[in-house]
Amino acid sequence: MKAKEYDFSNAKRGSVVAPQSGKTRITIRIDDELLNWFRQKVHEAGGGDFEMLINEALRQYVHRQGVEFEKTLRKVIREELKTMAKRAA
């Protein structure tokens, strides 16, 4: 049997399926233990997308960092105001 020959002269490079808007495809190395944990959570939920869970975990982490920064900033401002009030008295 003779193999078919394909004409790729008009072919375009890139993925067949267009990526979702607001999403970027990257290559990342994740510890097997962590990846298995996310896959297990998806399995326990009856299906879904472990990548979505990883995105949500990262979002929560980033949000928490902002909250911690705000708490720290407020603490520093309070301490500085107390110091300034003592100096003024």
N, C-alpha and C. Protein backbone atom coordinates (compact mmCIF):
# COMPACT_ATOMS: atom_id res chain seq x y z
N MET A 1 0.84 -1.18 0.00
CA MET A 1 0.00 0.00 0.00
C MET A 1 0.88 1.24 0.00
N LYS A 2 0.55 2.16 -0.87
CA LYS A 2 1.33 3.37 -1.00
C LYS A 2 0.84 4.43 -0.02
N ALA A 3 1.78 5.13 0.66
CA ALA A 3 1.41 6.17 1.62
C ALA A 3 0.88 7.39 0.88
N LYS A 4 -0.13 8.04 1.47
CA LYS A 4 -0.68 9.26 0.88
C LYS A 4 0.32 10.40 1.04
N GLU A 5 0.32 11.29 0.09
CA GLU A 5 1.16 12.47 0.19
C GLU A 5 0.25 13.66 0.48
N TYR A 6 0.65 14.49 1.41
CA TYR A 6 -0.13 15.65 1.81
C TYR A 6 0.56 16.92 1.36
N ASP A 7 -0.24 17.89 0.96
CA ASP A 7 0.30 19.18 0.53
C ASP A 7 0.17 20.17 1.69
N PHE A 8 1.29 20.56 2.26
CA PHE A 8 1.31 21.51 3.37
C PHE A 8 1.72 22.91 2.93
N SER A 9 1.71 23.18 1.66
CA SER A 9 2.18 24.48 1.16
C SER A 9 1.30 25.63 1.65
N ASN A 10 0.03 25.40 1.93
CA ASN A 10 -0.86 26.46 2.41
C ASN A 10 -1.16 26.33 3.90
N ALA A 11 -0.44 25.47 4.57
CA ALA A 11 -0.67 25.24 6.00
C ALA A 11 -0.21 26.43 6.83
N LYS A 12 -0.85 26.60 7.99
CA LYS A 12 -0.48 27.67 8.92
C LYS A 12 0.04 27.03 10.19
N ARG A 13 1.04 27.67 10.79
CA ARG A 13 1.58 27.18 12.06
C ARG A 13 0.67 27.60 13.20
N GLY A 14 0.71 26.85 14.27
CA GLY A 14 -0.05 27.21 15.46
C GLY A 14 -1.06 26.15 15.81
N SER A 15 -1.78 26.42 16.90
CA SER A 15 -2.75 25.44 17.38
C SER A 15 -3.97 25.38 16.47
N VAL A 16 -4.60 24.24 16.46
CA VAL A 16 -5.81 24.04 15.66
C VAL A 16 -6.97 24.76 16.32
N VAL A 17 -7.02 24.67 17.66
CA VAL A 17 -8.09 25.32 18.42
C VAL A 17 -7.54 26.64 18.95
N ALA A 18 -8.26 27.72 18.72
CA ALA A 18 -7.82 29.03 19.19
C ALA A 18 -7.87 29.08 20.72
N PRO A 19 -6.87 29.71 21.35
CA PRO A 19 -6.88 29.80 22.81
C PRO A 19 -7.99 30.72 23.29
N GLN A 20 -8.44 30.48 24.53
CA GLN A 20 -9.47 31.32 25.12
C GLN A 20 -8.91 32.72 25.35
N SER A 21 -9.77 33.69 25.22
CA SER A 21 -9.37 35.07 25.48
C SER A 21 -8.99 35.22 26.95
N GLY A 22 -7.90 35.91 27.21
CA GLY A 22 -7.47 36.12 28.60
C GLY A 22 -6.65 34.97 29.15
N LYS A 23 -6.35 33.99 28.35
CA LYS A 23 -5.57 32.82 28.78
C LYS A 23 -4.30 32.75 27.95
N THR A 24 -3.21 32.36 28.59
CA THR A 24 -1.94 32.19 27.90
C THR A 24 -1.44 30.78 28.16
N ARG A 25 -1.06 30.10 27.12
CA ARG A 25 -0.53 28.75 27.26
C ARG A 25 0.94 28.84 27.61
N ILE A 26 1.33 28.17 28.69
CA ILE A 26 2.72 28.15 29.11
C ILE A 26 3.13 26.72 29.44
N THR A 27 4.40 26.52 29.57
CA THR A 27 4.91 25.24 30.05
C THR A 27 5.46 25.49 31.43
N ILE A 28 5.04 24.69 32.39
CA ILE A 28 5.45 24.87 33.78
C ILE A 28 5.70 23.50 34.40
N ARG A 29 6.65 23.43 35.28
CA ARG A 29 6.92 22.18 35.99
C ARG A 29 6.31 22.27 37.37
N ILE A 30 5.40 21.36 37.67
CA ILE A 30 4.71 21.30 38.96
C ILE A 30 5.06 19.98 39.62
N ASP A 31 5.31 20.03 40.91
CA ASP A 31 5.60 18.79 41.64
C ASP A 31 4.48 17.78 41.44
N ASP A 32 4.86 16.52 41.24
CA ASP A 32 3.88 15.46 41.03
C ASP A 32 2.85 15.41 42.16
N GLU A 33 3.33 15.60 43.37
CA GLU A 33 2.45 15.54 44.55
C GLU A 33 1.36 16.60 44.45
N LEU A 34 1.72 17.82 44.05
CA LEU A 34 0.73 18.89 43.92
C LEU A 34 -0.24 18.64 42.77
N LEU A 35 0.29 18.23 41.63
CA LEU A 35 -0.56 17.96 40.48
C LEU A 35 -1.55 16.85 40.79
N ASN A 36 -1.07 15.80 41.45
CA ASN A 36 -1.97 14.69 41.82
C ASN A 36 -3.05 15.15 42.79
N TRP A 37 -2.70 16.10 43.69
CA TRP A 37 -3.69 16.61 44.64
C TRP A 37 -4.80 17.33 43.88
N PHE A 38 -4.45 18.18 42.93
CA PHE A 38 -5.46 18.90 42.15
C PHE A 38 -6.29 17.93 41.30
N ARG A 39 -5.65 16.95 40.70
CA ARG A 39 -6.39 15.96 39.91
C ARG A 39 -7.35 15.17 40.80
N GLN A 40 -6.92 14.85 42.02
CA GLN A 40 -7.79 14.11 42.96
C GLN A 40 -9.00 14.95 43.32
N LYS A 41 -8.81 16.25 43.54
CA LYS A 41 -9.94 17.13 43.86
C LYS A 41 -10.95 17.17 42.73
N VAL A 42 -10.46 17.21 41.49
CA VAL A 42 -11.36 17.19 40.33
C VAL A 42 -12.10 15.86 40.28
N HIS A 43 -11.38 14.77 40.53
CA HIS A 43 -12.00 13.45 40.53
C HIS A 43 -13.08 13.36 41.60
N GLU A 44 -12.79 13.87 42.80
CA GLU A 44 -13.76 13.83 43.91
C GLU A 44 -14.99 14.66 43.59
N ALA A 45 -14.81 15.72 42.80
CA ALA A 45 -15.93 16.58 42.43
C ALA A 45 -16.75 15.98 41.30
N GLY A 46 -16.27 14.87 40.74
CA GLY A 46 -17.02 14.22 39.67
C GLY A 46 -16.64 14.71 38.28
N GLY A 47 -15.52 15.38 38.19
CA GLY A 47 -15.04 15.86 36.90
C GLY A 47 -14.78 17.35 36.92
N GLY A 48 -14.20 17.82 35.88
CA GLY A 48 -13.88 19.24 35.78
C GLY A 48 -12.50 19.43 35.21
N ASP A 49 -11.89 20.53 35.58
CA ASP A 49 -10.63 20.93 35.00
C ASP A 49 -9.65 21.29 36.12
N PHE A 50 -8.59 20.50 36.27
CA PHE A 50 -7.63 20.77 37.34
C PHE A 50 -6.90 22.08 37.11
N GLU A 51 -6.76 22.50 35.86
CA GLU A 51 -6.10 23.77 35.57
C GLU A 51 -6.91 24.94 36.15
N MET A 52 -8.23 24.82 36.09
CA MET A 52 -9.09 25.85 36.66
C MET A 52 -8.87 25.93 38.18
N LEU A 53 -8.71 24.78 38.83
CA LEU A 53 -8.47 24.77 40.27
C LEU A 53 -7.12 25.41 40.60
N ILE A 54 -6.12 25.14 39.80
CA ILE A 54 -4.79 25.74 40.02
C ILE A 54 -4.89 27.25 39.85
N ASN A 55 -5.60 27.72 38.82
CA ASN A 55 -5.79 29.16 38.62
C ASN A 55 -6.48 29.80 39.82
N GLU A 56 -7.51 29.13 40.34
CA GLU A 56 -8.24 29.67 41.49
C GLU A 56 -7.35 29.72 42.72
N ALA A 57 -6.55 28.69 42.94
CA ALA A 57 -5.62 28.68 44.07
C ALA A 57 -4.63 29.82 43.96
N LEU A 58 -4.12 30.06 42.77
CA LEU A 58 -3.18 31.17 42.56
C LEU A 58 -3.86 32.52 42.77
N ARG A 59 -5.10 32.66 42.30
CA ARG A 59 -5.85 33.90 42.50
C ARG A 59 -6.03 34.19 43.99
N GLN A 60 -6.42 33.16 44.75
CA GLN A 60 -6.61 33.33 46.19
C GLN A 60 -5.31 33.72 46.87
N TYR A 61 -4.20 33.11 46.46
CA TYR A 61 -2.91 33.43 47.03
C TYR A 61 -2.55 34.89 46.76
N VAL A 62 -2.72 35.33 45.52
CA VAL A 62 -2.40 36.71 45.16
C VAL A 62 -3.28 37.68 45.93
N HIS A 63 -4.57 37.37 46.04
CA HIS A 63 -5.49 38.24 46.79
C HIS A 63 -5.06 38.33 48.25
N ARG A 64 -4.72 37.20 48.83
CA ARG A 64 -4.30 37.16 50.23
C ARG A 64 -3.05 38.00 50.44
N GLN A 65 -2.14 37.99 49.46
CA GLN A 65 -0.92 38.80 49.58
C GLN A 65 -1.28 40.28 49.65
N GLY A 66 -2.25 40.69 48.85
CA GLY A 66 -2.70 42.08 48.88
C GLY A 66 -3.31 42.43 50.22
N VAL A 67 -4.09 41.52 50.79
CA VAL A 67 -4.72 41.74 52.10
C VAL A 67 -3.64 41.84 53.17
N GLU A 68 -2.66 40.96 53.13
CA GLU A 68 -1.58 40.99 54.11
C GLU A 68 -0.79 42.30 53.99
N PHE A 69 -0.55 42.75 52.77
CA PHE A 69 0.15 44.02 52.58
C PHE A 69 -0.65 45.16 53.20
N GLU A 70 -1.97 45.14 52.98
CA GLU A 70 -2.82 46.20 53.52
C GLU A 70 -2.79 46.18 55.05
N LYS A 71 -2.86 44.98 55.64
CA LYS A 71 -2.80 44.87 57.10
C LYS A 71 -1.48 45.42 57.63
N THR A 72 -0.39 45.07 56.98
CA THR A 72 0.92 45.54 57.40
C THR A 72 1.02 47.05 57.27
N LEU A 73 0.55 47.59 56.16
CA LEU A 73 0.59 49.03 55.95
C LEU A 73 -0.23 49.76 57.01
N ARG A 74 -1.42 49.27 57.30
CA ARG A 74 -2.26 49.89 58.33
C ARG A 74 -1.56 49.87 59.69
N LYS A 75 -0.91 48.76 60.01
CA LYS A 75 -0.20 48.62 61.29
C LYS A 75 0.92 49.66 61.38
N VAL A 76 1.69 49.78 60.30
CA VAL A 76 2.80 50.74 60.28
C VAL A 76 2.27 52.16 60.44
N ILE A 77 1.21 52.49 59.75
CA ILE A 77 0.64 53.84 59.85
C ILE A 77 0.16 54.12 61.26
N ARG A 78 -0.53 53.15 61.89
CA ARG A 78 -1.00 53.34 63.27
C ARG A 78 0.18 53.58 64.21
N GLU A 79 1.23 52.79 64.05
CA GLU A 79 2.41 52.94 64.91
C GLU A 79 3.06 54.31 64.71
N GLU A 80 3.15 54.74 63.46
CA GLU A 80 3.75 56.04 63.17
C GLU A 80 2.89 57.17 63.74
N LEU A 81 1.56 57.05 63.64
CA LEU A 81 0.68 58.08 64.19
C LEU A 81 0.82 58.17 65.70
N LYS A 82 0.94 57.01 66.37
CA LYS A 82 1.15 57.01 67.83
C LYS A 82 2.46 57.70 68.17
N THR A 83 3.51 57.40 67.42
CA THR A 83 4.82 58.01 67.67
C THR A 83 4.74 59.51 67.48
N MET A 84 4.08 59.95 66.43
CA MET A 84 3.95 61.38 66.16
C MET A 84 3.12 62.06 67.25
N ALA A 85 2.06 61.41 67.72
CA ALA A 85 1.22 61.97 68.78
C ALA A 85 2.02 62.13 70.08
N LYS A 86 2.86 61.16 70.39
CA LYS A 86 3.69 61.24 71.60
C LYS A 86 4.68 62.39 71.49
N ARG A 87 5.26 62.58 70.33
CA ARG A 87 6.22 63.68 70.13
C ARG A 87 5.55 65.04 70.25
N ALA A 88 4.31 65.11 69.77
CA ALA A 88 3.58 66.38 69.81
C ALA A 88 3.13 66.73 71.22
N ALA A 89 2.98 65.73 72.07
CA ALA A 89 2.47 65.99 73.43
C ALA A 89 3.51 66.54 74.36
